[in-house]
C-alpha atoms as a PDB file:
ATOM      1  CA  MET A   1       0.119  -0.388  -0.040  1.00  0.00           C
ATOM      2  CA  LYS A   2       2.831   1.945   1.155  1.00  0.00           C
ATOM      3  CA  LYS A   3       4.737   1.906  -2.328  1.00  0.00           C
ATOM      4  CA  ILE A   4       1.199   2.541  -4.342  1.00  0.00           C
ATOM      5  CA  ILE A   5       0.804   6.211  -2.638  1.00  0.00           C
ATOM      6  CA  PHE A   6       5.113   6.784  -2.388  1.00  0.00           C
ATOM      7  CA  ALA A   7       4.321   5.971  -6.775  1.00  0.00           C
ATOM      8  CA  LEU A   8       0.703   8.303  -7.145  1.00  0.00           C
ATOM      9  CA  LEU A   9       2.050  10.731  -4.942  1.00  0.00           C
ATOM     10  CA  ALA A  10       5.530  11.303  -7.242  1.00  0.00           C
ATOM     11  CA  VAL A  11       3.547  11.290 -10.336  1.00  0.00           C
ATOM     12  CA  VAL A  12       1.374  14.122  -8.581  1.00  0.00           C
ATOM     13  CA  CYS A  13       4.346  15.742  -7.989  1.00  0.00           C
ATOM     14  CA  ALA A  14       6.167  15.387 -11.845  1.00  0.00           C
ATOM     15  CA  VAL A  15       2.951  16.853 -12.385  1.00  0.00           C
ATOM     16  CA  SER A  16       2.760  19.479 -10.798  1.00  0.00           C
ATOM     17  CA  PHE A  17       6.461  20.411 -11.326  1.00  0.00           C
ATOM     18  CA  SER A  18       5.935  20.331 -15.072  1.00  0.00           C
ATOM     19  CA  GLY A  19       3.177  22.380 -15.685  1.00  0.00           C
ATOM     20  CA  VAL A  20       1.107  20.082 -16.757  1.00  0.00           C
ATOM     21  CA  ALA A  21      -2.295  20.013 -15.615  1.00  0.00           C
ATOM     22  CA  LEU A  22      -2.957  16.426 -13.573  1.00  0.00           C
ATOM     23  CA  ALA A  23      -5.016  14.217 -16.229  1.00  0.00           C
ATOM     24  CA  GLU A  24      -6.026  10.956 -15.462  1.00  0.00           C
ATOM     25  CA  ALA A  25      -3.413   7.573 -14.798  1.00  0.00           C
ATOM     26  CA  PRO A  26      -2.373   5.926 -17.688  1.00  0.00           C
ATOM     27  CA  SER A  27      -4.853   2.302 -18.026  1.00  0.00           C
ATOM     28  CA  ALA A  28      -2.712  -0.943 -17.265  1.00  0.00           C
ATOM     29  CA  ASP A  29      -3.865  -1.362 -21.408  1.00  0.00           C
ATOM     30  CA  LEU A  30      -1.262   1.509 -22.709  1.00  0.00           C
ATOM     31  CA  ILE A  31       1.756   0.590 -19.243  1.00  0.00           C
ATOM     32  CA  LYS A  32       1.341  -3.118 -21.025  1.00  0.00           C
ATOM     33  CA  GLN A  33       2.099  -1.177 -24.394  1.00  0.00           C
ATOM     34  CA  GLY A  34       5.155   0.475 -23.238  1.00  0.00           C
ATOM     35  CA  GLU A  35       6.471  -2.194 -22.392  1.00  0.00           C
ATOM     36  CA  GLN A  36       6.628  -3.426 -24.981  1.00  0.00           C
ATOM     37  CA  LEU A  37       7.950  -1.124 -26.903  1.00  0.00           C
ATOM     38  CA  PHE A  38      10.714  -0.487 -23.901  1.00  0.00           C
ATOM     39  CA  ASN A  39      11.676  -4.101 -24.104  1.00  0.00           C
ATOM     40  CA  ALA A  40      11.464  -4.848 -27.926  1.00  0.00           C
ATOM     41  CA  LYS A  41      13.235  -3.156 -31.219  1.00  0.00           C
ATOM     42  CA  GLU A  42      10.241  -4.331 -33.536  1.00  0.00           C
ATOM     43  CA  GLY A  43       8.181  -1.681 -32.624  1.00  0.00           C
ATOM     44  CA  LEU A  44       9.698   1.437 -32.571  1.00  0.00           C
ATOM     45  CA  GLY A  45      11.622   0.397 -36.137  1.00  0.00           C
ATOM     46  CA  VAL A  46      15.100   1.097 -34.200  1.00  0.00           C
ATOM     47  CA  LYS A  47      18.274  -1.600 -33.752  1.00  0.00           C
ATOM     48  CA  PHE A  48      18.224  -1.519 -30.108  1.00  0.00           C
ATOM     49  CA  ALA A  49      15.773  -1.268 -27.306  1.00  0.00           C
ATOM     50  CA  CYS A  50      15.691   0.546 -24.788  1.00  0.00           C
ATOM     51  CA  ILE A  51      16.212  -2.868 -22.025  1.00  0.00           C
ATOM     52  CA  MET A  52      19.372  -3.200 -24.061  1.00  0.00           C
ATOM     53  CA  CYS A  53      21.032  -0.528 -21.997  1.00  0.00           C
ATOM     54  CA  HIS A  54      18.202   1.146 -19.467  1.00  0.00           C
ATOM     55  CA  LYS A  55      18.404  -2.482 -17.198  1.00  0.00           C
ATOM     56  CA  GLY A  56      20.015  -3.020 -13.684  1.00  0.00           C
ATOM     57  CA  GLN A  57      22.133  -0.371 -12.252  1.00  0.00           C
ATOM     58  CA  LYS A  58      21.505   1.647 -15.676  1.00  0.00           C
ATOM     59  CA  ALA A  59      17.870   1.860 -14.644  1.00  0.00           C
ATOM     60  CA  ILE A  60      16.028   5.224 -15.484  1.00  0.00           C
ATOM     61  CA  LYS A  61      16.135   6.708 -12.220  1.00  0.00           C
ATOM     62  CA  LYS A  62      12.686   8.510 -11.300  1.00  0.00           C
ATOM     63  CA  SER A  63      14.153  11.600  -9.951  1.00  0.00           C
ATOM     64  CA  GLU A  64      14.980  11.790 -13.122  1.00  0.00           C
ATOM     65  CA  VAL A  65      12.013  11.619 -14.771  1.00  0.00           C
ATOM     66  CA  GLU A  66      10.472  13.204 -11.890  1.00  0.00           C
ATOM     67  CA  LYS A  67      12.313  16.610 -13.286  1.00  0.00           C
ATOM     68  CA  LEU A  68      11.984  15.542 -16.630  1.00  0.00           C
ATOM     69  CA  GLY A  69       8.387  16.808 -16.588  1.00  0.00           C
ATOM     70  CA  ALA A  70       7.285  17.334 -20.009  1.00  0.00           C
ATOM     71  CA  THR A  71       9.545  16.694 -21.816  1.00  0.00           C
ATOM     72  CA  LEU A  72      10.337  13.733 -20.981  1.00  0.00           C
ATOM     73  CA  PRO A  73       9.408  12.807 -24.708  1.00  0.00           C
ATOM     74  CA  ASP A  74      12.228  15.257 -25.888  1.00  0.00           C
ATOM     75  CA  VAL A  75      14.297  12.810 -24.351  1.00  0.00           C
ATOM     76  CA  ILE A  76      13.388   9.546 -25.745  1.00  0.00           C
ATOM     77  CA  ASN A  77      13.466  10.818 -28.683  1.00  0.00           C
ATOM     78  CA  GLU A  78      16.873  12.237 -28.879  1.00  0.00           C
ATOM     79  CA  TYR A  79      17.600   8.347 -27.165  1.00  0.00           C
ATOM     80  CA  ILE A  80      16.146   6.842 -30.018  1.00  0.00           C
ATOM     81  CA  VAL A  81      17.814   8.707 -32.923  1.00  0.00           C
ATOM     82  CA  LYS A  82      21.505   9.046 -31.436  1.00  0.00           C
ATOM     83  CA  LYS A  83      21.345   5.956 -29.626  1.00  0.00           C
ATOM     84  CA  SER A  84      18.933   3.030 -31.109  1.00  0.00           C
ATOM     85  CA  LYS A  85      18.877   3.807 -34.716  1.00  0.00           C
ATOM     86  CA  GLY A  86      15.604   5.075 -35.174  1.00  0.00           C
ATOM     87  CA  THR A  87      12.940   7.149 -36.617  1.00  0.00           C
ATOM     88  CA  ALA A  88      11.324  10.011 -34.142  1.00  0.00           C
ATOM     89  CA  ILE A  89       7.918   9.398 -33.016  1.00  0.00           C
ATOM     90  CA  ALA A  90       5.179  12.575 -32.601  1.00  0.00           C
ATOM     91  CA  LYS A  91       4.604  13.926 -29.282  1.00  0.00           C
ATOM     92  CA  ASP A  92       1.528  13.053 -29.271  1.00  0.00           C
ATOM     93  CA  SER A  93       1.199   8.823 -31.048  1.00  0.00           C
ATOM     94  CA  ASP A  94      -0.314   6.794 -29.452  1.00  0.00           C
ATOM     95  CA  GLN A  95       3.416   5.486 -28.325  1.00  0.00           C
ATOM     96  CA  MET A  96       5.297   7.425 -27.015  1.00  0.00           C
ATOM     97  CA  LYS A  97       2.377   7.706 -24.853  1.00  0.00           C
ATOM     98  CA  ALA A  98       2.840   4.479 -23.920  1.00  0.00           C
ATOM     99  CA  LEU A  99       6.339   5.220 -23.538  1.00  0.00           C
ATOM    100  CA  VAL A 100       5.766   7.809 -20.930  1.00  0.00           C
ATOM    101  CA  ALA A 101       3.253   5.946 -19.692  1.00  0.00           C
ATOM    102  CA  TYR A 102       5.835   2.671 -18.754  1.00  0.00           C
ATOM    103  CA  ILE A 103       8.358   4.963 -17.947  1.00  0.00           C
ATOM    104  CA  THR A 104       6.896   6.922 -15.073  1.00  0.00           C
ATOM    105  CA  ASN A 105       4.569   4.741 -13.957  1.00  0.00           C
ATOM    106  CA  GLU A 106       6.584   1.331 -13.951  1.00  0.00           C
ATOM    107  CA  HIS A 107      10.419   0.829 -15.349  1.00  0.00           C
ATOM    108  CA  SER A 108      12.324   4.161 -13.252  1.00  0.00           C
ATOM    109  CA  VAL A 109      13.698   3.134 -10.008  1.00  0.00           C
END
Protein backbone atom coordinates (compact mmCIF):
# COMPACT_ATOMS: atom_id res chain seq x y z
CA MET A 1 0.00 0.00 0.00
CA LYS A 2 2.83 2.41 0.83
CA LYS A 3 4.41 1.75 -2.58
CA ILE A 4 1.17 2.62 -4.34
CA ILE A 5 0.79 5.84 -2.36
CA PHE A 6 4.44 6.77 -2.99
CA ALA A 7 4.11 6.08 -6.73
CA LEU A 8 0.95 8.14 -6.94
CA LEU A 9 2.56 10.98 -5.01
CA ALA A 10 5.59 10.89 -7.32
CA VAL A 11 3.38 11.15 -10.41
CA VAL A 12 1.38 14.01 -8.91
CA CYS A 13 4.59 15.87 -8.04
CA ALA A 14 6.04 15.28 -11.49
CA VAL A 15 2.91 16.59 -13.16
CA SER A 16 2.63 19.53 -10.76
CA PHE A 17 6.18 20.69 -11.35
CA SER A 18 6.01 20.19 -15.09
CA GLY A 19 3.17 22.65 -15.60
CA VAL A 20 1.00 19.97 -17.18
CA ALA A 21 -2.58 19.62 -16.07
CA LEU A 22 -3.25 16.53 -13.99
CA ALA A 23 -4.72 13.88 -16.24
CA GLU A 24 -6.20 10.48 -15.62
CA ALA A 25 -3.76 7.78 -14.66
CA PRO A 26 -2.75 5.74 -17.71
CA SER A 27 -4.54 2.46 -18.23
CA ALA A 28 -2.89 -0.87 -17.54
CA ASP A 29 -3.13 -1.61 -21.28
CA LEU A 30 -1.24 1.58 -22.17
CA ILE A 31 1.49 0.79 -19.64
CA LYS A 32 1.73 -2.78 -21.00
CA GLN A 33 2.05 -1.43 -24.56
CA GLY A 34 4.83 0.87 -23.36
CA GLU A 35 6.61 -2.06 -21.74
CA GLN A 36 6.46 -4.01 -25.01
CA LEU A 37 7.86 -1.04 -26.95
CA PHE A 38 10.61 -0.53 -24.35
CA ASN A 39 11.67 -4.18 -24.39
CA ALA A 40 11.62 -4.94 -28.13
CA LYS A 41 13.14 -3.14 -31.08
CA GLU A 42 10.45 -4.12 -33.57
CA GLY A 43 7.66 -1.87 -32.27
CA LEU A 44 9.70 1.31 -32.67
CA GLY A 45 11.71 0.30 -35.72
CA VAL A 46 15.04 0.80 -33.94
CA LYS A 47 18.27 -1.19 -34.01
CA PHE A 48 18.52 -1.46 -30.21
CA ALA A 49 15.67 -1.89 -27.73
CA CYS A 50 15.59 0.60 -24.84
CA ILE A 51 16.06 -2.22 -22.31
CA MET A 52 19.45 -3.06 -23.81
CA CYS A 53 20.91 -0.01 -22.06
CA HIS A 54 18.34 0.87 -19.40
CA LYS A 55 18.39 -2.12 -17.03
CA GLY A 56 19.87 -3.00 -13.66
CA GLN A 57 22.25 -0.29 -12.45
CA LYS A 58 21.49 1.76 -15.57
CA ALA A 59 17.71 1.72 -15.11
CA ILE A 60 16.04 5.08 -15.50
CA LYS A 61 15.92 6.90 -12.17
CA LYS A 62 12.52 8.15 -11.03
CA SER A 63 14.13 11.41 -9.86
CA GLU A 64 15.44 12.02 -13.40
CA VAL A 65 12.02 11.32 -14.90
CA GLU A 66 10.45 13.79 -12.46
CA LYS A 67 12.99 16.49 -13.37
CA LEU A 68 12.28 16.02 -17.08
CA GLY A 69 8.54 16.51 -16.64
CA ALA A 70 6.95 17.56 -19.91
CA THR A 71 10.26 17.25 -21.80
CA LEU A 72 10.37 13.46 -21.33
CA PRO A 73 9.07 12.83 -24.90
CA ASP A 74 11.91 14.99 -26.28
CA VAL A 75 14.47 12.95 -24.35
CA ILE A 76 12.88 9.68 -25.49
CA ASN A 77 13.12 10.84 -29.11
CA GLU A 78 16.72 11.90 -28.62
CA TYR A 79 17.59 8.40 -27.44
CA ILE A 80 15.56 6.77 -30.22
CA VAL A 81 17.44 8.75 -32.87
CA LYS A 82 20.97 8.97 -31.45
CA LYS A 83 21.37 5.75 -29.50
CA SER A 84 18.87 3.32 -31.01
CA LYS A 85 19.36 4.47 -34.61
CA GLY A 86 15.66 4.95 -35.22
CA THR A 87 13.32 7.71 -36.34
CA ALA A 88 11.71 10.10 -33.86
CA ILE A 89 8.07 9.44 -33.09
CA ALA A 90 5.35 12.07 -32.75
CA LYS A 91 5.01 13.43 -29.22
CA ASP A 92 1.25 12.93 -29.32
CA SER A 93 1.39 9.43 -30.85
CA ASP A 94 0.03 6.35 -29.11
CA GLN A 95 3.57 4.94 -29.04
CA MET A 96 4.92 7.99 -27.19
CA LYS A 97 2.01 8.00 -24.76
CA ALA A 98 2.66 4.32 -24.05
CA LEU A 99 6.40 4.79 -23.54
CA VAL A 100 5.86 7.75 -21.22
CA ALA A 101 3.22 5.82 -19.25
CA TYR A 102 5.53 2.82 -18.83
CA ILE A 103 8.62 4.82 -17.92
CA THR A 104 6.84 7.06 -15.42
CA ASN A 105 4.71 4.34 -13.83
CA GLU A 106 6.64 1.08 -14.01
CA HIS A 107 10.21 1.17 -15.27
CA SER A 108 11.85 3.98 -13.35
CA VAL A 109 13.40 3.17 -9.98
